C-alpha atoms as a PDB file:
ATOM      1  CA  UNK A   1     -14.047 104.813 -23.283  1.00  0.00           C
ATOM      2  CA  UNK A   2     -15.452 104.743 -19.696  1.00  0.00           C
ATOM      3  CA  UNK A   3     -14.110 107.215 -17.216  1.00  0.00           C
ATOM      4  CA  UNK A   4     -11.347 105.811 -14.986  1.00  0.00           C
ATOM      5  CA  UNK A   5     -13.549 106.338 -11.914  1.00  0.00           C
ATOM      6  CA  UNK A   6     -16.219 103.991 -13.271  1.00  0.00           C
ATOM      7  CA  UNK A   7     -13.632 101.427 -14.360  1.00  0.00           C
ATOM      8  CA  UNK A   8     -12.159 101.482 -10.870  1.00  0.00           C
ATOM      9  CA  UNK A   9     -15.587 101.165  -9.293  1.00  0.00           C
ATOM     10  CA  UNK A  10     -16.457  98.245 -11.516  1.00  0.00           C
ATOM     11  CA  UNK A  11     -13.215  96.469 -10.618  1.00  0.00           C
ATOM     12  CA  UNK A  12     -13.816  96.980  -6.859  1.00  0.00           C
ATOM     13  CA  UNK A  13     -17.359  95.569  -7.184  1.00  0.00           C
ATOM     14  CA  UNK A  14     -16.099  92.573  -9.119  1.00  0.00           C
ATOM     15  CA  UNK A  15     -13.529  91.859  -6.423  1.00  0.00           C
ATOM     16  CA  UNK A  16     -16.232  92.091  -3.730  1.00  0.00           C
ATOM     17  CA  UNK A  17     -18.420  89.686  -5.665  1.00  0.00           C
ATOM     18  CA  UNK A  18     -15.651  87.162  -6.007  1.00  0.00           C
ATOM     19  CA  UNK A  19     -14.900  87.354  -2.336  1.00  0.00           C
ATOM     20  CA  UNK A  20     -18.556  86.965  -1.396  1.00  0.00           C
ATOM     21  CA  UNK A  21     -18.919  83.863  -3.648  1.00  0.00           C
ATOM     22  CA  UNK A  22     -15.757  82.333  -2.119  1.00  0.00           C
ATOM     23  CA  UNK A  23     -17.085  82.977   1.316  1.00  0.00           C
ATOM     24  CA  UNK A  24     -20.450  81.410   0.571  1.00  0.00           C
ATOM     25  CA  UNK A  25     -18.823  78.298  -0.940  1.00  0.00           C
ATOM     26  CA  UNK A  26     -16.668  77.756   2.129  1.00  0.00           C
ATOM     27  CA  UNK A  27     -13.440  79.413   1.084  1.00  0.00           C
ATOM     28  CA  UNK A  28     -10.144  78.481   2.723  1.00  0.00           C
ATOM     29  CA  UNK A  29     -10.551  74.795   1.975  1.00  0.00           C
ATOM     30  CA  UNK A  30     -13.863  74.359   3.944  1.00  0.00           C
ATOM     31  CA  UNK A  31     -16.335  71.993   2.399  1.00  0.00           C
ATOM     32  CA  UNK A  32     -19.929  73.005   1.907  1.00  0.00           C
ATOM     33  CA  UNK A  33     -22.195  71.743   4.673  1.00  0.00           C
ATOM     34  CA  UNK A  34     -24.809  69.070   4.053  1.00  0.00           C
ATOM     35  CA  UNK A  35     -27.536  71.212   5.573  1.00  0.00           C
ATOM     36  CA  UNK A  36     -28.052  69.344   8.879  1.00  0.00           C
ATOM     37  CA  UNK A  37     -27.612  72.575  10.811  1.00  0.00           C
ATOM     38  CA  UNK A  38     -30.923  73.758   9.432  1.00  0.00           C
ATOM     39  CA  UNK A  39     -32.970  70.685  10.355  1.00  0.00           C
ATOM     40  CA  UNK A  40     -34.877  69.676  13.491  1.00  0.00           C
ATOM     41  CA  UNK A  41     -32.829  67.687  15.931  1.00  0.00           C
ATOM     42  CA  UNK A  42     -34.825  64.451  15.481  1.00  0.00           C
ATOM     43  CA  UNK A  43     -34.428  64.640  11.767  1.00  0.00           C
ATOM     44  CA  UNK A  44     -30.629  65.011  12.171  1.00  0.00           C
ATOM     45  CA  UNK A  45     -30.600  61.782  14.172  1.00  0.00           C
ATOM     46  CA  UNK A  46     -32.818  59.994  11.659  1.00  0.00           C
ATOM     47  CA  UNK A  47     -30.545  60.991   8.727  1.00  0.00           C
ATOM     48  CA  UNK A  48     -27.543  59.859  10.726  1.00  0.00           C
ATOM     49  CA  UNK A  49     -29.036  56.380  11.347  1.00  0.00           C
ATOM     50  CA  UNK A  50     -30.091  55.988   7.732  1.00  0.00           C
ATOM     51  CA  UNK A  51     -26.582  56.950   6.509  1.00  0.00           C
ATOM     52  CA  UNK A  52     -24.971  54.481   8.868  1.00  0.00           C
ATOM     53  CA  UNK A  53     -27.277  51.693   7.836  1.00  0.00           C
ATOM     54  CA  UNK A  54     -26.434  52.174   4.179  1.00  0.00           C
ATOM     55  CA  UNK A  55     -22.687  52.821   4.654  1.00  0.00           C
ATOM     56  CA  UNK A  56     -20.278  50.419   2.986  1.00  0.00           C
ATOM     57  CA  UNK A  57     -18.639  49.823   6.310  1.00  0.00           C
ATOM     58  CA  UNK A  58     -17.606  51.386   9.622  1.00  0.00           C
ATOM     59  CA  UNK A  59     -15.085  51.126  12.396  1.00  0.00           C
ATOM     60  CA  UNK A  60     -17.072  51.087  15.609  1.00  0.00           C
ATOM     61  CA  UNK A  61     -15.507  51.453  19.071  1.00  0.00           C
ATOM     62  CA  UNK A  62     -17.833  51.353  22.057  1.00  0.00           C
ATOM     63  CA  UNK A  63     -17.599  51.449  25.865  1.00  0.00           C
ATOM     64  CA  UNK A  64     -20.415  50.577  28.245  1.00  0.00           C
ATOM     65  CA  UNK A  65     -20.342  51.946  31.764  1.00  0.00           C
ATOM     66  CA  UNK A  66     -21.635  49.566  34.446  1.00  0.00           C
ATOM     67  CA  UNK A  67     -22.983  46.887  32.063  1.00  0.00           C
ATOM     68  CA  UNK A  68     -25.511  44.526  33.536  1.00  0.00           C
ATOM     69  CA  UNK A  69     -25.358  40.810  33.354  1.00  0.00           C
ATOM     70  CA  UNK A  70     -23.096  39.475  30.639  1.00  0.00           C
ATOM     71  CA  UNK A  71     -23.383  42.509  28.319  1.00  0.00           C
ATOM     72  CA  UNK A  72     -20.133  43.349  26.603  1.00  0.00           C
ATOM     73  CA  UNK A  73     -18.232  46.142  28.339  1.00  0.00           C
ATOM     74  CA  UNK A  74     -16.093  47.263  25.385  1.00  0.00           C
ATOM     75  CA  UNK A  75     -15.976  46.485  21.727  1.00  0.00           C
ATOM     76  CA  UNK A  76     -13.794  47.422  18.784  1.00  0.00           C
ATOM     77  CA  UNK A  77     -15.325  46.195  15.560  1.00  0.00           C
ATOM     78  CA  UNK A  78     -15.181  46.697  11.794  1.00  0.00           C
ATOM     79  CA  UNK A  79     -18.508  46.080  10.256  1.00  0.00           C
ATOM     80  CA  UNK A  80     -19.834  45.804   6.656  1.00  0.00           C
ATOM     81  CA  UNK A  81     -23.363  44.872   5.469  1.00  0.00           C
ATOM     82  CA  UNK A  82     -22.419  41.150   5.548  1.00  0.00           C
ATOM     83  CA  UNK A  83     -19.428  40.816   7.969  1.00  0.00           C
ATOM     84  CA  UNK A  84     -18.190  41.893  11.350  1.00  0.00           C
ATOM     85  CA  UNK A  85     -14.723  41.338  12.838  1.00  0.00           C
ATOM     86  CA  UNK A  86     -12.910  42.616  15.893  1.00  0.00           C
ATOM     87  CA  UNK A  87     -12.819  42.213  19.690  1.00  0.00           C
ATOM     88  CA  UNK A  88     -15.405  42.308  22.467  1.00  0.00           C
ATOM     89  CA  UNK A  89     -14.657  42.488  26.209  1.00  0.00           C
ATOM     90  CA  UNK A  90     -16.795  40.310  28.395  1.00  0.00           C
ATOM     91  CA  UNK A  91     -16.364  39.354  32.032  1.00  0.00           C
ATOM     92  CA  UNK A  92     -13.133  41.297  32.006  1.00  0.00           C
ATOM     93  CA  UNK A  93     -11.743  38.991  29.207  1.00  0.00           C
ATOM     94  CA  UNK A  94     -11.347  39.525  25.525  1.00  0.00           C
ATOM     95  CA  UNK A  95     -13.326  37.662  22.834  1.00  0.00           C
ATOM     96  CA  UNK A  96     -12.184  37.714  19.222  1.00  0.00           C
ATOM     97  CA  UNK A  97     -15.248  37.828  16.994  1.00  0.00           C
ATOM     98  CA  UNK A  98     -15.853  37.136  13.334  1.00  0.00           C
ATOM     99  CA  UNK A  99     -19.356  37.197  11.848  1.00  0.00           C
ATOM    100  CA  UNK A 100     -19.919  36.264   8.201  1.00  0.00           C
ATOM    101  CA  UNK A 101     -23.622  36.401   7.324  1.00  0.00           C
ATOM    102  CA  UNK A 102     -25.290  33.881   9.557  1.00  0.00           C
ATOM    103  CA  UNK A 103     -22.090  32.291  10.934  1.00  0.00           C
ATOM    104  CA  UNK A 104     -20.500  33.523  14.125  1.00  0.00           C
ATOM    105  CA  UNK A 105     -16.976  32.541  15.219  1.00  0.00           C
ATOM    106  CA  UNK A 106     -15.281  33.328  18.513  1.00  0.00           C
ATOM    107  CA  UNK A 107     -11.832  32.772  20.044  1.00  0.00           C
ATOM    108  CA  UNK A 108     -11.237  33.097  23.738  1.00  0.00           C
ATOM    109  CA  UNK A 109      -8.368  32.449  26.153  1.00  0.00           C
ATOM    110  CA  UNK A 110      -8.560  29.870  28.944  1.00  0.00           C
ATOM    111  CA  UNK A 111      -9.080  32.814  31.401  1.00  0.00           C
ATOM    112  CA  UNK A 112     -12.394  33.532  29.734  1.00  0.00           C
ATOM    113  CA  UNK A 113     -13.818  30.162  30.435  1.00  0.00           C
ATOM    114  CA  UNK A 114     -12.531  30.200  34.010  1.00  0.00           C
ATOM    115  CA  UNK A 115     -14.142  33.640  34.610  1.00  0.00           C
ATOM    116  CA  UNK A 116     -17.453  32.410  33.268  1.00  0.00           C
ATOM    117  CA  UNK A 117     -17.464  29.280  35.413  1.00  0.00           C
ATOM    118  CA  UNK A 118     -17.041  26.979  32.385  1.00  0.00           C
ATOM    119  CA  UNK A 119     -13.592  25.649  33.141  1.00  0.00           C
ATOM    120  CA  UNK A 120     -14.540  22.176  31.846  1.00  0.00           C
ATOM    121  CA  UNK A 121     -14.768  23.615  28.339  1.00  0.00           C
ATOM    122  CA  UNK A 122     -11.390  25.289  28.515  1.00  0.00           C
ATOM    123  CA  UNK A 123      -9.350  22.174  27.583  1.00  0.00           C
ATOM    124  CA  UNK A 124     -11.318  21.821  24.412  1.00  0.00           C
ATOM    125  CA  UNK A 125     -12.030  25.407  23.416  1.00  0.00           C
ATOM    126  CA  UNK A 126      -9.370  27.697  24.895  1.00  0.00           C
ATOM    127  CA  UNK A 127      -7.441  29.581  22.213  1.00  0.00           C
ATOM    128  CA  UNK A 128      -9.368  27.875  19.483  1.00  0.00           C
ATOM    129  CA  UNK A 129     -11.742  29.316  17.005  1.00  0.00           C
ATOM    130  CA  UNK A 130     -15.348  28.089  17.639  1.00  0.00           C
ATOM    131  CA  UNK A 131     -18.304  28.269  15.412  1.00  0.00           C
ATOM    132  CA  UNK A 132     -21.148  29.066  17.824  1.00  0.00           C
ATOM    133  CA  UNK A 133     -24.450  27.352  18.219  1.00  0.00           C
ATOM    134  CA  UNK A 134     -27.487  29.448  17.294  1.00  0.00           C
ATOM    135  CA  UNK A 135     -28.419  30.161  20.935  1.00  0.00           C
ATOM    136  CA  UNK A 136     -24.933  31.387  21.754  1.00  0.00           C
ATOM    137  CA  UNK A 137     -24.487  33.338  18.520  1.00  0.00           C
ATOM    138  CA  UNK A 138     -27.714  35.288  19.291  1.00  0.00           C
ATOM    139  CA  UNK A 139     -25.752  37.193  21.939  1.00  0.00           C
ATOM    140  CA  UNK A 140     -23.812  38.841  19.132  1.00  0.00           C
ATOM    141  CA  UNK A 141     -26.622  39.352  16.646  1.00  0.00           C
ATOM    142  CA  UNK A 142     -26.656  43.028  17.630  1.00  0.00           C
ATOM    143  CA  UNK A 143     -23.207  43.441  16.123  1.00  0.00           C
ATOM    144  CA  UNK A 144     -24.199  43.712  12.469  1.00  0.00           C
ATOM    145  CA  UNK A 145     -24.399  46.957  10.532  1.00  0.00           C
ATOM    146  CA  UNK A 146     -28.108  46.771   9.920  1.00  0.00           C
ATOM    147  CA  UNK A 147     -29.185  45.649  13.378  1.00  0.00           C
ATOM    148  CA  UNK A 148     -26.879  47.960  15.186  1.00  0.00           C
ATOM    149  CA  UNK A 149     -28.144  50.922  13.141  1.00  0.00           C
ATOM    150  CA  UNK A 150     -31.765  49.914  13.699  1.00  0.00           C
ATOM    151  CA  UNK A 151     -31.121  49.669  17.440  1.00  0.00           C
ATOM    152  CA  UNK A 152     -30.311  53.397  17.471  1.00  0.00           C
ATOM    153  CA  UNK A 153     -33.733  54.480  16.226  1.00  0.00           C
ATOM    154  CA  UNK A 154     -35.359  54.090  19.638  1.00  0.00           C
ATOM    155  CA  UNK A 155     -33.176  56.934  20.873  1.00  0.00           C
ATOM    156  CA  UNK A 156     -34.275  59.422  18.219  1.00  0.00           C
ATOM    157  CA  UNK A 157     -37.586  60.350  19.637  1.00  0.00           C
ATOM    158  CA  UNK A 158     -36.006  62.230  22.542  1.00  0.00           C
ATOM    159  CA  UNK A 159     -33.761  64.441  20.382  1.00  0.00           C
ATOM    160  CA  UNK A 160     -34.917  68.050  20.536  1.00  0.00           C
ATOM    161  CA  UNK A 161     -33.744  71.604  20.883  1.00  0.00           C
ATOM    162  CA  UNK A 162     -31.021  73.460  19.239  1.00  0.00           C
ATOM    163  CA  UNK A 163     -28.722  71.943  16.601  1.00  0.00           C
ATOM    164  CA  UNK A 164     -25.209  72.995  17.511  1.00  0.00           C
ATOM    165  CA  UNK A 165     -22.240  73.192  15.082  1.00  0.00           C
ATOM    166  CA  UNK A 166     -18.879  71.945  16.261  1.00  0.00           C
ATOM    167  CA  UNK A 167     -15.849  70.013  15.122  1.00  0.00           C
ATOM    168  CA  UNK A 168     -14.998  66.356  15.678  1.00  0.00           C
ATOM    169  CA  UNK A 169     -11.366  65.559  14.926  1.00  0.00           C
ATOM    170  CA  UNK A 170     -11.163  68.793  12.831  1.00  0.00           C
ATOM    171  CA  UNK A 171     -14.131  67.790  10.785  1.00  0.00           C
ATOM    172  CA  UNK A 172     -17.313  69.934  10.733  1.00  0.00           C
ATOM    173  CA  UNK A 173     -20.167  68.358  12.636  1.00  0.00           C
ATOM    174  CA  UNK A 174     -23.432  69.061  14.344  1.00  0.00           C
ATOM    175  CA  UNK A 175     -24.580  67.931  17.757  1.00  0.00           C
ATOM    176  CA  UNK A 176     -28.104  67.169  18.903  1.00  0.00           C
ATOM    177  CA  UNK A 177     -29.203  66.092  22.368  1.00  0.00           C
ATOM    178  CA  UNK A 178     -32.091  64.702  24.331  1.00  0.00           C
ATOM    179  CA  UNK A 179     -32.998  65.723  27.852  1.00  0.00           C
ATOM    180  CA  UNK A 180     -31.708  62.429  29.311  1.00  0.00           C
ATOM    181  CA  UNK A 181     -28.194  62.972  28.034  1.00  0.00           C
ATOM    182  CA  UNK A 182     -28.288  61.040  24.786  1.00  0.00           C
ATOM    183  CA  UNK A 183     -26.143  62.772  22.167  1.00  0.00           C
ATOM    184  CA  UNK A 184     -25.577  62.406  18.510  1.00  0.00           C
ATOM    185  CA  UNK A 185     -22.617  64.153  16.820  1.00  0.00           C
ATOM    186  CA  UNK A 186     -22.966  63.919  13.062  1.00  0.00           C
ATOM    187  CA  UNK A 187     -20.825  64.856  10.070  1.00  0.00           C
ATOM    188  CA  UNK A 188     -21.922  68.267   8.691  1.00  0.00           C
ATOM    189  CA  UNK A 189     -20.225  67.679   5.311  1.00  0.00           C
ATOM    190  CA  UNK A 190     -20.789  64.794   2.923  1.00  0.00           C
ATOM    191  CA  UNK A 191     -22.994  61.871   4.055  1.00  0.00           C
ATOM    192  CA  UNK A 192     -24.651  62.477   7.445  1.00  0.00           C
ATOM    193  CA  UNK A 193     -22.505  59.792   9.157  1.00  0.00           C
ATOM    194  CA  UNK A 194     -22.691  59.644  13.011  1.00  0.00           C
ATOM    195  CA  UNK A 195     -19.177  60.332  14.423  1.00  0.00           C
ATOM    196  CA  UNK A 196     -19.809  60.088  18.136  1.00  0.00           C
ATOM    197  CA  UNK A 197     -22.887  58.871  20.045  1.00  0.00           C
ATOM    198  CA  UNK A 198     -23.649  58.780  23.728  1.00  0.00           C
ATOM    199  CA  UNK A 199     -26.627  56.601  24.729  1.00  0.00           C
ATOM    200  CA  UNK A 200     -28.156  56.782  28.226  1.00  0.00           C
ATOM    201  CA  UNK A 201     -30.479  54.200  29.621  1.00  0.00           C
ATOM    202  CA  UNK A 202     -29.745  51.706  32.461  1.00  0.00           C
ATOM    203  CA  UNK A 203     -26.105  52.271  31.569  1.00  0.00           C
ATOM    204  CA  UNK A 204     -24.190  54.800  29.506  1.00  0.00           C
ATOM    205  CA  UNK A 205     -22.757  53.698  26.129  1.00  0.00           C
ATOM    206  CA  UNK A 206     -20.173  55.837  24.363  1.00  0.00           C
ATOM    207  CA  UNK A 207     -19.571  55.135  20.674  1.00  0.00           C
ATOM    208  CA  UNK A 208     -16.926  56.390  18.241  1.00  0.00           C
ATOM    209  CA  UNK A 209     -17.501  55.731  14.572  1.00  0.00           C
ATOM    210  CA  UNK A 210     -15.034  56.248  11.716  1.00  0.00           C
ATOM    211  CA  UNK A 211     -13.696  54.841   8.436  1.00  0.00           C
ATOM    212  CA  UNK A 212     -17.000  54.673   6.580  1.00  0.00           C
ATOM    213  CA  UNK A 213     -15.774  52.487   3.776  1.00  0.00           C
ATOM    214  CA  UNK A 214     -15.763  48.967   2.685  1.00  0.00           C
ATOM    215  CA  UNK A 215     -13.367  46.996   4.928  1.00  0.00           C
ATOM    216  CA  UNK A 216     -10.999  44.264   3.881  1.00  0.00           C
ATOM    217  CA  UNK A 217     -12.778  41.005   3.201  1.00  0.00           C
ATOM    218  CA  UNK A 218     -13.415  38.848   6.231  1.00  0.00           C
ATOM    219  CA  UNK A 219     -12.669  35.116   5.941  1.00  0.00           C
ATOM    220  CA  UNK A 220     -13.917  32.296   8.075  1.00  0.00           C
ATOM    221  CA  UNK A 221     -11.318  30.874  10.478  1.00  0.00           C
ATOM    222  CA  UNK A 222      -9.773  27.599   9.338  1.00  0.00           C
ATOM    223  CA  UNK A 223     -10.676  24.398  11.117  1.00  0.00           C
ATOM    224  CA  UNK A 224     -12.962  25.856  13.815  1.00  0.00           C
ATOM    225  CA  UNK A 225     -14.633  23.657  16.440  1.00  0.00           C
ATOM    226  CA  UNK A 226     -18.139  23.502  15.162  1.00  0.00           C
ATOM    227  CA  UNK A 227     -20.843  23.889  17.728  1.00  0.00           C
ATOM    228  CA  UNK A 228     -23.382  25.326  15.270  1.00  0.00           C
ATOM    229  CA  UNK A 229     -25.440  22.215  15.096  1.00  0.00           C
ATOM    230  CA  UNK A 230     -26.168  22.363  18.830  1.00  0.00           C
ATOM    231  CA  UNK A 231     -29.172  24.230  20.065  1.00  0.00           C
END
């Protein structure tokens, strides 16, 4: 039989080993990181855009400060690879939006048409679902999962410097920045989904992304006014 001192020493070493393994594996309920904290900043951004583009869906909320022209000021959308539905604020008015593949439908109140100087159309279109003509639908072509994701790639080149670890809504995340103020905050566990993004250019866009899962099926509005054959 081994001396008691050696048995005690062996037990103590075993306990230390167990504690070390637990700490390395993220004990206390923490998940193992996805390794983004060890990558260059630009690569973190690139992986975030790729993860978003291939996601089954996302809830996207965005706000644009000082938008130019008729650019949407706020949007709250649920997107999948083939559909988009939610609301967009334009001209201080709300537009309900449904996109299903190549078809784009909107519904707007009378105040929208008045605000845009198109009061003559209000009697026909106000509070009705409208299937947009191609020229008008192009305005919303940006609001698809693939095109929105691809639009973010132009901001990746400026990402540089330290990759900072933080928490976003109690979830582990990393933050990368560019010198002009663009910021990507990306999930540090599981898929590298972007959680918050700030884009700086002629205006500042703040994005919040969540619910990276397939949304409920979107259906085309019934009996829309069809303008899709015009233009």
